[in-house]
Amino acid sequence: MDVYGCIEAGGTKFVCGVGTGPQDLATASFSTLSPPATVESVAGFFQGAQLKAVGIGSFGPVDLNPDSPTFGYITSTPKQGWRQFDLAGAVARALGAPVKIDTDVNAAAVGEARWGAARGLSDFLYLTVGTGIGGGAVANGAVVHGLTHPEMGHIRIPHDLSRDPYPGGCPFHGDCLEGLASGPAIEARWGKPAQELPADHPAWALEARYIGLGLANWVCTLSPRRIIIGGGVFQQAQLFPLVRAELGRILNGYVQARALLDEMDTYVVPPGLGSRSGVLGALALAADAGC
């Protein structure tokens, strides 16, 4: 039987899968090493599979312009050895199958739309907060692309240095949203990884403030019908109510929509697919490419 291949290409690990949907997807993961070594591991996982197409949701930035000579390349990443690497081309050559590539967060958004917390929604936002911060937006039923792809983690938000003297950890922008609210920023500011901080630590009120500011920007510009937040930092159960409350305070009743006034618990939500949003989104990309 023809099956689809999917790859969630992360800066720390690659998750590969083969199947036709959530019910039969078989996966394996391995560490992200050098590009040649990682592609060799990818090829080994798929050996013998009759692949109709392969979908990739990749860390980025990624060149998604099909008319560009570097289409499918990872571009200005700070990850050693991966800058200007032709990921889509290398996978296509290794597997001999059509490849469809998008960012990891865009792929996760596609997965949530097909099988998860965004089913039936034409307009929503998927955000991940972990090693970095990224977002994928769906508007009128289509993933938003443009000049490149949205870089939601690098928006600028107010930074109160009297409350938070940490200068920010983004190598490009210092105190952008990612530089202030990503997992590495939390660890650099407080001296411990997020998962080691207790639920009542002041880190979480500050994190909620920064994420709430980001969400308010997107509510006012993209008007999503739901916001889905995944990633390692949001494994903290106490963060969701803090962020919902912060978003409400920042908007201050200006956006008169029931979802924001009375239904915040179902407006800002965790992924319906849990940790599988990315790899299942890549599977959905493959199904679209090989339909």
Protein backbone atom coordinates (compact mmCIF):
# COMPACT_ATOMS: atom_id res chain seq x y z
CA MET A 1 0.00 0.00 0.00
CA ASP A 2 1.23 3.49 -0.83
CA VAL A 3 1.96 5.49 2.30
CA TYR A 4 3.15 9.00 3.07
CA GLY A 5 6.37 9.99 4.76
CA CYS A 6 6.63 12.89 7.18
CA ILE A 7 9.51 14.64 8.87
CA GLU A 8 9.40 17.10 11.75
CA ALA A 9 12.85 18.62 11.36
CA GLY A 10 13.91 20.25 14.61
CA GLY A 11 17.13 21.86 15.65
CA THR A 12 17.52 19.28 18.43
CA LYS A 13 15.86 16.20 16.96
CA PHE A 14 14.20 14.89 13.80
CA VAL A 15 10.94 12.95 14.10
CA CYS A 16 10.16 10.77 11.08
CA GLY A 17 6.91 8.99 10.42
CA VAL A 18 5.23 6.80 7.84
CA GLY A 19 1.52 6.11 7.44
CA THR A 20 -1.72 7.56 6.13
CA GLY A 21 -3.14 9.36 9.19
CA PRO A 22 -3.08 9.60 12.99
CA GLN A 23 -4.42 6.09 13.43
CA ASP A 24 -1.56 4.27 11.68
CA LEU A 25 1.38 6.66 11.89
CA ALA A 26 4.59 4.90 12.96
CA THR A 27 7.38 7.23 14.11
CA ALA A 28 10.96 7.30 15.29
CA SER A 29 13.19 10.15 16.41
CA PHE A 30 16.91 10.80 16.46
CA SER A 31 19.25 13.64 17.30
CA THR A 32 19.92 16.38 14.78
CA LEU A 33 23.58 16.02 13.83
CA SER A 34 25.34 17.33 10.73
CA PRO A 35 23.20 17.58 7.58
CA PRO A 36 24.78 14.54 5.86
CA ALA A 37 24.53 12.37 8.97
CA THR A 38 20.95 13.44 9.65
CA VAL A 39 19.78 12.86 6.07
CA GLU A 40 21.43 9.42 6.22
CA SER A 41 19.35 8.62 9.32
CA VAL A 42 16.21 9.87 7.55
CA ALA A 43 16.93 7.63 4.56
CA GLY A 44 17.53 4.66 6.86
CA PHE A 45 14.16 5.12 8.57
CA PHE A 46 12.24 5.16 5.29
CA GLN A 47 14.19 2.35 3.62
CA GLY A 48 11.80 -0.04 1.88
CA ALA A 49 8.71 2.14 2.24
CA GLN A 50 6.70 2.84 -0.91
CA LEU A 51 6.30 6.55 -0.40
CA LYS A 52 3.75 8.47 -2.41
CA ALA A 53 5.12 11.80 -1.13
CA VAL A 54 7.04 13.24 1.82
CA GLY A 55 6.12 16.28 3.91
CA ILE A 56 8.67 18.27 5.91
CA GLY A 57 7.97 20.75 8.69
CA SER A 58 11.34 22.31 9.34
CA PHE A 59 13.06 24.66 11.73
CA GLY A 60 14.05 27.79 9.91
CA PRO A 61 14.15 30.24 8.46
CA VAL A 62 13.29 28.31 5.30
CA ASP A 63 13.14 29.62 1.71
CA LEU A 64 9.58 28.80 0.63
CA ASN A 65 9.54 30.74 -2.64
CA PRO A 66 9.19 28.12 -5.41
CA ASP A 67 10.77 30.53 -7.91
CA SER A 68 13.90 31.00 -5.79
CA PRO A 69 17.14 29.17 -6.63
CA THR A 70 17.38 28.26 -2.94
CA PHE A 71 13.79 27.00 -2.55
CA GLY A 72 13.64 24.42 0.23
CA TYR A 73 16.89 25.59 1.82
CA ILE A 74 17.30 26.37 5.50
CA THR A 75 18.72 29.89 5.30
CA SER A 76 19.91 32.18 8.11
CA THR A 77 19.72 29.73 11.01
CA PRO A 78 22.33 30.07 13.76
CA LYS A 79 22.52 26.27 13.96
CA GLN A 80 26.02 25.16 13.14
CA GLY A 81 26.40 23.53 9.71
CA TRP A 82 22.78 23.98 8.61
CA ARG A 83 22.88 27.48 7.16
CA GLN A 84 22.10 27.44 3.41
CA PHE A 85 21.48 23.69 3.42
CA ASP A 86 19.16 22.28 0.74
CA LEU A 87 16.96 20.19 3.05
CA ALA A 88 14.07 19.60 0.64
CA GLY A 89 16.40 18.69 -2.21
CA ALA A 90 18.53 16.38 -0.09
CA VAL A 91 15.47 14.49 1.18
CA ALA A 92 13.96 14.25 -2.31
CA ARG A 93 17.19 12.82 -3.70
CA ALA A 94 17.63 10.38 -0.81
CA LEU A 95 14.06 9.06 -0.93
CA GLY A 96 13.13 9.42 -4.60
CA ALA A 97 9.72 10.87 -3.77
CA PRO A 98 8.01 14.26 -4.19
CA VAL A 99 8.64 16.58 -1.22
CA LYS A 100 6.51 19.40 0.19
CA ILE A 101 8.21 21.61 2.75
CA ASP A 102 7.01 24.32 5.12
CA THR A 103 8.07 25.66 8.49
CA ASP A 104 7.59 23.49 11.55
CA VAL A 105 4.95 25.83 12.99
CA ASN A 106 3.06 26.11 9.70
CA ALA A 107 3.04 22.32 9.46
CA ALA A 108 1.76 22.07 13.04
CA ALA A 109 -1.01 24.51 12.15
CA VAL A 110 -1.99 22.31 9.19
CA GLY A 111 -2.06 19.26 11.46
CA GLU A 112 -4.23 21.00 14.04
CA ALA A 113 -6.61 22.14 11.28
CA ARG A 114 -7.00 18.63 9.90
CA TRP A 115 -7.13 16.56 13.07
CA GLY A 116 -6.75 18.76 16.15
CA ALA A 117 -7.96 21.83 18.01
CA ALA A 118 -8.58 23.93 14.88
CA ARG A 119 -10.91 21.58 12.99
CA GLY A 120 -13.64 23.55 11.27
CA LEU A 121 -11.88 26.91 11.73
CA SER A 122 -10.92 29.07 8.75
CA ASP A 123 -8.81 31.52 10.79
CA PHE A 124 -6.56 30.62 13.70
CA LEU A 125 -3.04 30.88 15.06
CA TYR A 126 -0.65 28.15 16.16
CA LEU A 127 2.21 29.28 18.41
CA THR A 128 5.07 27.24 19.83
CA VAL A 129 7.12 28.40 22.81
CA GLY A 130 10.18 26.30 23.50
CA THR A 131 13.80 26.52 22.39
CA GLY A 132 12.53 29.31 20.14
CA ILE A 133 9.20 30.98 19.51
CA GLY A 134 7.40 30.65 16.21
CA GLY A 135 3.91 30.99 14.87
CA GLY A 136 1.85 29.76 11.96
CA ALA A 137 -1.28 31.63 10.92
CA VAL A 138 -4.18 30.27 8.89
CA ALA A 139 -6.40 32.89 7.24
CA ASN A 140 -9.42 32.08 5.08
CA GLY A 141 -8.43 28.43 5.25
CA ALA A 142 -4.89 28.89 3.93
CA VAL A 143 -1.52 29.05 5.68
CA VAL A 144 -0.17 32.59 5.51
CA HIS A 145 2.94 33.01 3.35
CA GLY A 146 4.31 36.19 1.86
CA LEU A 147 7.70 37.72 1.23
CA THR A 148 9.12 34.82 3.26
CA HIS A 149 7.10 33.28 6.08
CA PRO A 150 5.90 34.91 9.31
CA GLU A 151 8.54 35.21 12.03
CA MET A 152 6.25 35.75 14.98
CA GLY A 153 8.92 35.12 17.57
CA HIS A 154 10.81 38.20 16.46
CA ILE A 155 8.16 40.85 16.97
CA ARG A 156 9.06 43.68 19.34
CA ILE A 157 7.11 44.00 22.57
CA PRO A 158 7.41 46.44 25.50
CA HIS A 159 10.35 45.57 27.75
CA ASP A 160 10.18 47.09 31.23
CA LEU A 161 13.83 47.03 32.28
CA SER A 162 12.98 48.01 35.85
CA ARG A 163 10.88 44.85 36.21
CA ASP A 164 13.05 42.66 34.01
CA PRO A 165 16.68 43.80 33.59
CA TYR A 166 17.53 40.70 31.50
CA PRO A 167 18.71 42.18 28.16
CA GLY A 168 17.29 39.41 25.97
CA GLY A 169 18.93 36.44 24.33
CA CYS A 170 18.17 36.68 20.61
CA PRO A 171 21.46 36.85 18.66
CA PHE A 172 19.78 39.00 16.02
CA HIS A 173 17.46 41.29 17.99
CA GLY A 174 18.25 41.02 21.70
CA ASP A 175 14.92 41.58 23.43
CA CYS A 176 12.40 40.53 20.80
CA LEU A 177 9.65 38.18 21.99
CA GLU A 178 11.83 35.10 21.47
CA GLY A 179 14.75 36.82 23.15
CA LEU A 180 12.63 37.46 26.26
CA ALA A 181 10.22 34.53 26.50
CA SER A 182 11.78 31.41 24.94
CA GLY A 183 13.03 28.50 27.03
CA PRO A 184 16.69 29.60 26.80
CA ALA A 185 15.70 33.14 27.86
CA ILE A 186 13.90 31.77 30.93
CA GLU A 187 16.95 29.70 31.88
CA ALA A 188 19.38 32.58 31.30
CA ARG A 189 17.26 34.97 33.38
CA TRP A 190 16.54 32.68 36.34
CA GLY A 191 19.50 30.28 36.29
CA LYS A 192 17.38 27.15 35.88
CA PRO A 193 15.49 25.50 33.00
CA ALA A 194 11.76 26.23 32.88
CA GLN A 195 10.83 22.70 33.90
CA GLU A 196 12.78 23.07 37.17
CA LEU A 197 11.00 26.25 38.31
CA PRO A 198 8.10 25.80 40.76
CA ALA A 199 4.58 26.76 39.76
CA ASP A 200 4.57 29.80 42.05
CA HIS A 201 7.88 31.19 40.75
CA PRO A 202 7.76 34.82 39.52
CA ALA A 203 9.04 33.58 36.17
CA TRP A 204 5.53 32.54 35.17
CA ALA A 205 3.84 35.90 35.71
CA LEU A 206 6.56 37.53 33.62
CA GLU A 207 6.28 34.85 30.93
CA ALA A 208 2.50 35.31 30.81
CA ARG A 209 2.98 39.06 30.41
CA TYR A 210 5.29 38.66 27.43
CA ILE A 211 3.19 35.99 25.71
CA GLY A 212 0.03 38.00 26.40
CA LEU A 213 1.59 41.03 24.69
CA GLY A 214 2.42 38.92 21.66
CA LEU A 215 -1.07 37.45 21.50
CA ALA A 216 -2.66 40.90 21.77
CA ASN A 217 -0.68 42.01 18.72
CA TRP A 218 -1.93 39.05 16.70
CA VAL A 219 -5.51 39.37 17.91
CA CYS A 220 -5.51 42.96 16.66
CA THR A 221 -3.77 42.25 13.34
CA LEU A 222 -4.83 38.73 12.30
CA SER A 223 -8.12 38.38 14.23
CA PRO A 224 -7.80 34.60 14.74
CA ARG A 225 -10.84 32.64 15.88
CA ARG A 226 -8.65 30.53 18.18
CA ILE A 227 -5.07 30.56 19.42
CA ILE A 228 -3.31 27.23 20.01
CA ILE A 229 -0.08 27.24 22.02
CA GLY A 230 2.33 24.31 22.14
CA GLY A 231 6.00 23.80 22.91
CA GLY A 232 8.01 22.75 25.91
CA VAL A 233 7.54 25.91 27.95
CA PHE A 234 3.76 25.49 27.83
CA GLN A 235 3.90 22.10 29.47
CA GLN A 236 3.40 24.20 32.64
CA ALA A 237 -0.31 23.84 33.43
CA GLN A 238 -0.43 27.14 35.32
CA LEU A 239 0.60 29.15 32.25
CA PHE A 240 -2.64 28.93 30.29
CA PRO A 241 -4.86 30.66 32.88
CA LEU A 242 -2.15 33.27 33.48
CA VAL A 243 -1.85 34.02 29.77
CA ARG A 244 -5.62 34.17 29.26
CA ALA A 245 -5.94 36.64 32.12
CA GLU A 246 -3.04 38.73 30.83
CA LEU A 247 -4.47 38.86 27.31
CA GLY A 248 -7.80 40.02 28.71
CA ARG A 249 -6.13 42.77 30.72
CA ILE A 250 -4.07 43.99 27.76
CA LEU A 251 -7.04 44.11 25.37
CA ASN A 252 -9.13 45.80 28.09
CA GLY A 253 -12.46 45.02 26.43
CA TYR A 254 -11.57 46.78 23.18
CA VAL A 255 -12.18 43.78 20.90
CA GLN A 256 -15.85 43.03 21.44
CA ALA A 257 -15.98 39.32 20.66
CA ARG A 258 -17.56 36.68 22.89
CA ALA A 259 -14.50 34.45 22.60
CA LEU A 260 -12.39 37.16 24.25
CA LEU A 261 -14.95 38.32 26.77
CA ASP A 262 -16.66 35.15 28.02
CA GLU A 263 -14.97 32.14 26.39
CA MET A 264 -11.25 32.66 26.90
CA ASP A 265 -10.85 29.09 28.17
CA THR A 266 -11.72 27.81 24.70
CA TYR A 267 -9.98 30.64 22.84
CA VAL A 268 -6.39 30.15 24.06
CA VAL A 269 -5.87 26.39 24.18
CA PRO A 270 -3.22 23.66 24.04
CA PRO A 271 -2.81 21.58 20.86
CA GLY A 272 -5.44 18.95 20.27
CA LEU A 273 -2.74 16.65 18.91
CA GLY A 274 -0.37 17.17 21.84
CA SER A 275 3.26 16.67 20.90
CA ARG A 276 2.29 15.16 17.52
CA SER A 277 1.07 18.40 15.89
CA GLY A 278 4.28 18.89 13.92
CA VAL A 279 4.80 15.39 12.59
CA LEU A 280 1.11 14.94 11.75
CA GLY A 281 1.14 18.34 10.04
CA ALA A 282 4.05 17.14 7.92
CA LEU A 283 1.98 14.04 7.09
CA ALA A 284 -0.88 16.33 5.98
CA LEU A 285 1.58 18.24 3.77
CA ALA A 286 2.65 14.96 2.18
CA ALA A 287 -0.96 13.90 1.58
CA ASP A 288 -1.65 17.24 -0.11
CA ALA A 289 1.45 16.84 -2.28
CA GLY A 290 0.70 13.28 -3.31
CA CYS A 291 -3.08 13.34 -3.59
